Amino acid sequence: QVQLVESGGGLVQPGGSLKLSCATSGFIFSIYTMGWYRQAPGKQRELVASIARSGHTNYADSVKGRFTISRDDAKKTLYLQMNSLKPEDTAVYYCNRNSQLPAFPWGQGTQVTVSS
C-alpha cells in the first residue's frame, strides 16, 4: 500500500532553515509530479511547491526564492529545503502527488514552527 512518511520538521527561529524529507513506498514514484503541501491552523491545505518527473519546478508566490523542492527517484524520496523561514510558514507539511488523479492517502505530516 502507498505510504508517505514526512520528516525533518521542528522549531526554528525566523530567518532559519529546515530541510524536509518525504520517504515514499507502494507506488512508482518516478512517474508522478510530486508536491509539498502545508496546512496552517484554521486554514485549508495549500500546495507550496511541485516538481515534475522532468525536474521542472513550480512554487507558490509566498515561498518563491526561499524554498527549493527536489527529488531522488532512486531513493523514492522528495525533499523541501526551506530557507529564510517566516512565522507565516508555520504549518504541518505534507507530501503527495500533484495530479488530476486523487491524492494518495495522506501521511502524518511534519510540524514546522517558526517562532522566536
C-alpha atoms as a PDB file:
ATOM      1  CA  GLN A   1       0.000   0.000   0.000  1.00  0.00           C
ATOM      2  CA  VAL A   2       1.018   3.599  -0.508  1.00  0.00           C
ATOM      3  CA  GLN A   3       3.000   5.157   2.318  1.00  0.00           C
ATOM      4  CA  LEU A   4       4.144   8.760   2.611  1.00  0.00           C
ATOM      5  CA  VAL A   5       6.367   9.486   5.596  1.00  0.00           C
ATOM      6  CA  GLU A   6       7.342  13.104   6.161  1.00  0.00           C
ATOM      7  CA  SER A   7      10.162  14.125   8.487  1.00  0.00           C
ATOM      8  CA  GLY A   8      12.546  16.960   9.259  1.00  0.00           C
ATOM      9  CA  GLY A   9      10.215  19.494  10.820  1.00  0.00           C
ATOM     10  CA  GLY A  10      10.828  21.297  14.071  1.00  0.00           C
ATOM     11  CA  LEU A  11      11.001  24.611  15.865  1.00  0.00           C
ATOM     12  CA  VAL A  12      13.161  27.242  14.208  1.00  0.00           C
ATOM     13  CA  GLN A  13      13.692  30.964  14.665  1.00  0.00           C
ATOM     14  CA  PRO A  14      12.651  33.424  11.947  1.00  0.00           C
ATOM     15  CA  GLY A  15      15.319  33.513   9.272  1.00  0.00           C
ATOM     16  CA  GLY A  16      16.339  29.943   9.954  1.00  0.00           C
ATOM     17  CA  SER A  17      16.361  26.897   7.715  1.00  0.00           C
ATOM     18  CA  LEU A  18      14.965  23.380   7.687  1.00  0.00           C
ATOM     19  CA  LYS A  19      15.085  20.529   5.208  1.00  0.00           C
ATOM     20  CA  LEU A  20      12.078  18.258   4.979  1.00  0.00           C
ATOM     21  CA  SER A  21      12.105  14.734   3.576  1.00  0.00           C
ATOM     22  CA  CYS A  22       9.293  12.519   2.358  1.00  0.00           C
ATOM     23  CA  ALA A  23      10.048   8.827   2.059  1.00  0.00           C
ATOM     24  CA  THR A  24       7.600   7.010  -0.173  1.00  0.00           C
ATOM     25  CA  SER A  25       6.662   3.440  -0.995  1.00  0.00           C
ATOM     26  CA  GLY A  26       3.902   1.468  -2.644  1.00  0.00           C
ATOM     27  CA  PHE A  27       3.783   3.311  -5.981  1.00  0.00           C
ATOM     28  CA  ILE A  28       6.020   4.207  -8.897  1.00  0.00           C
ATOM     29  CA  PHE A  29       7.452   7.440  -7.532  1.00  0.00           C
ATOM     30  CA  SER A  30       9.355   8.410 -10.671  1.00  0.00           C
ATOM     31  CA  ILE A  31       6.334   8.797 -12.929  1.00  0.00           C
ATOM     32  CA  TYR A  32       4.490  11.390 -10.855  1.00  0.00           C
ATOM     33  CA  THR A  33       4.712  15.092 -10.363  1.00  0.00           C
ATOM     34  CA  MET A  34       5.127  15.376  -6.612  1.00  0.00           C
ATOM     35  CA  GLY A  35       4.259  18.243  -4.345  1.00  0.00           C
ATOM     36  CA  TRP A  36       4.745  19.641  -0.883  1.00  0.00           C
ATOM     37  CA  TYR A  37       1.605  20.917   0.776  1.00  0.00           C
ATOM     38  CA  ARG A  38       1.033  22.659   4.075  1.00  0.00           C
ATOM     39  CA  GLN A  39      -1.875  23.294   6.379  1.00  0.00           C
ATOM     40  CA  ALA A  40      -1.833  26.006   8.993  1.00  0.00           C
ATOM     41  CA  PRO A  41      -4.308  26.009  11.891  1.00  0.00           C
ATOM     42  CA  GLY A  42      -7.745  27.067  10.717  1.00  0.00           C
ATOM     43  CA  LYS A  43      -6.699  27.158   7.068  1.00  0.00           C
ATOM     44  CA  GLN A  44      -7.097  24.878   4.083  1.00  0.00           C
ATOM     45  CA  ARG A  45      -4.263  22.730   2.871  1.00  0.00           C
ATOM     46  CA  GLU A  46      -2.296  24.508   0.148  1.00  0.00           C
ATOM     47  CA  LEU A  47       0.285  23.466  -2.421  1.00  0.00           C
ATOM     48  CA  VAL A  48       3.591  25.223  -1.846  1.00  0.00           C
ATOM     49  CA  ALA A  49       5.871  23.533  -4.383  1.00  0.00           C
ATOM     50  CA  SER A  50       5.813  20.843  -7.030  1.00  0.00           C
ATOM     51  CA  ILE A  51       8.354  19.011  -9.132  1.00  0.00           C
ATOM     52  CA  ALA A  52       7.640  17.129 -12.323  1.00  0.00           C
ATOM     53  CA  ARG A  53       9.327  13.918 -13.422  1.00  0.00           C
ATOM     54  CA  SER A  54      11.370  16.138 -15.759  1.00  0.00           C
ATOM     55  CA  GLY A  55      12.632  18.148 -12.808  1.00  0.00           C
ATOM     56  CA  HIS A  56      10.594  21.224 -13.686  1.00  0.00           C
ATOM     57  CA  THR A  57       9.537  23.029 -10.537  1.00  0.00           C
ATOM     58  CA  ASN A  58       6.778  25.402  -9.517  1.00  0.00           C
ATOM     59  CA  TYR A  59       6.381  27.400  -6.330  1.00  0.00           C
ATOM     60  CA  ALA A  60       3.665  29.351  -4.592  1.00  0.00           C
ATOM     61  CA  ASP A  61       4.404  33.057  -4.639  1.00  0.00           C
ATOM     62  CA  SER A  62       4.664  33.061  -0.863  1.00  0.00           C
ATOM     63  CA  VAL A  63       7.710  30.751  -0.881  1.00  0.00           C
ATOM     64  CA  LYS A  64       9.368  31.582  -4.191  1.00  0.00           C
ATOM     65  CA  GLY A  65      13.049  32.325  -3.748  1.00  0.00           C
ATOM     66  CA  ARG A  66      13.118  30.807  -0.256  1.00  0.00           C
ATOM     67  CA  PHE A  67      12.101  27.154  -0.734  1.00  0.00           C
ATOM     68  CA  THR A  68      13.647  24.587  -3.058  1.00  0.00           C
ATOM     69  CA  ILE A  69      11.953  21.313  -3.932  1.00  0.00           C
ATOM     70  CA  SER A  70      13.964  18.343  -5.170  1.00  0.00           C
ATOM     71  CA  ARG A  71      13.554  14.628  -5.703  1.00  0.00           C
ATOM     72  CA  ASP A  72      15.663  11.477  -5.719  1.00  0.00           C
ATOM     73  CA  ASP A  73      13.866   8.932  -7.860  1.00  0.00           C
ATOM     74  CA  ALA A  74      16.318   6.163  -6.938  1.00  0.00           C
ATOM     75  CA  LYS A  75      15.505   6.658  -3.252  1.00  0.00           C
ATOM     76  CA  LYS A  76      11.822   7.427  -3.916  1.00  0.00           C
ATOM     77  CA  THR A  77      12.224  10.473  -1.723  1.00  0.00           C
ATOM     78  CA  LEU A  78      11.039  14.058  -2.016  1.00  0.00           C
ATOM     79  CA  TYR A  79      12.784  16.986  -0.328  1.00  0.00           C
ATOM     80  CA  LEU A  80      11.998  20.575   0.569  1.00  0.00           C
ATOM     81  CA  GLN A  81      14.797  22.926   1.554  1.00  0.00           C
ATOM     82  CA  MET A  82      13.307  25.880   3.390  1.00  0.00           C
ATOM     83  CA  ASN A  83      15.409  28.989   3.972  1.00  0.00           C
ATOM     84  CA  SER A  84      14.633  32.432   5.389  1.00  0.00           C
ATOM     85  CA  LEU A  85      11.703  30.984   7.273  1.00  0.00           C
ATOM     86  CA  LYS A  86       8.942  33.296   8.448  1.00  0.00           C
ATOM     87  CA  PRO A  87       6.331  32.877  11.175  1.00  0.00           C
ATOM     88  CA  GLU A  88       3.686  32.556   8.459  1.00  0.00           C
ATOM     89  CA  ASP A  89       5.415  29.387   7.258  1.00  0.00           C
ATOM     90  CA  THR A  90       4.255  27.670  10.450  1.00  0.00           C
ATOM     91  CA  ALA A  91       2.137  24.683   9.429  1.00  0.00           C
ATOM     92  CA  VAL A  92       2.038  20.931   9.115  1.00  0.00           C
ATOM     93  CA  TYR A  93       3.815  19.963   5.910  1.00  0.00           C
ATOM     94  CA  TYR A  94       2.750  17.008   3.765  1.00  0.00           C
ATOM     95  CA  CYS A  95       3.859  15.455   0.516  1.00  0.00           C
ATOM     96  CA  ASN A  96       1.661  13.859  -2.121  1.00  0.00           C
ATOM     97  CA  ARG A  97       1.354  13.545  -5.827  1.00  0.00           C
ATOM     98  CA  ASN A  98       0.289  16.681  -7.664  1.00  0.00           C
ATOM     99  CA  SER A  99      -2.057  15.301 -10.256  1.00  0.00           C
ATOM    100  CA  GLN A 100      -5.609  15.339 -11.563  1.00  0.00           C
ATOM    101  CA  LEU A 101      -5.793  11.862 -10.043  1.00  0.00           C
ATOM    102  CA  PRO A 102      -6.991  11.639  -6.440  1.00  0.00           C
ATOM    103  CA  ALA A 103      -4.363  12.235  -3.826  1.00  0.00           C
ATOM    104  CA  PHE A 104      -2.740   9.241  -2.209  1.00  0.00           C
ATOM    105  CA  PRO A 105      -3.720   8.653   1.439  1.00  0.00           C
ATOM    106  CA  TRP A 106      -2.098  11.482   3.371  1.00  0.00           C
ATOM    107  CA  GLY A 107       0.756  10.789   5.736  1.00  0.00           C
ATOM    108  CA  GLN A 108       1.032  12.175   9.228  1.00  0.00           C
ATOM    109  CA  GLY A 109       2.879  15.263   8.080  1.00  0.00           C
ATOM    110  CA  THR A 110       5.703  17.045   9.843  1.00  0.00           C
ATOM    111  CA  GLN A 111       5.185  20.130  12.002  1.00  0.00           C
ATOM    112  CA  VAL A 112       7.166  23.256  11.190  1.00  0.00           C
ATOM    113  CA  THR A 113       7.012  26.044  13.740  1.00  0.00           C
ATOM    114  CA  VAL A 114       8.748  29.353  13.101  1.00  0.00           C
ATOM    115  CA  SER A 115       8.927  31.430  16.245  1.00  0.00           C
ATOM    116  CA  SER A 116      11.355  33.407  18.333  1.00  0.00           C
END
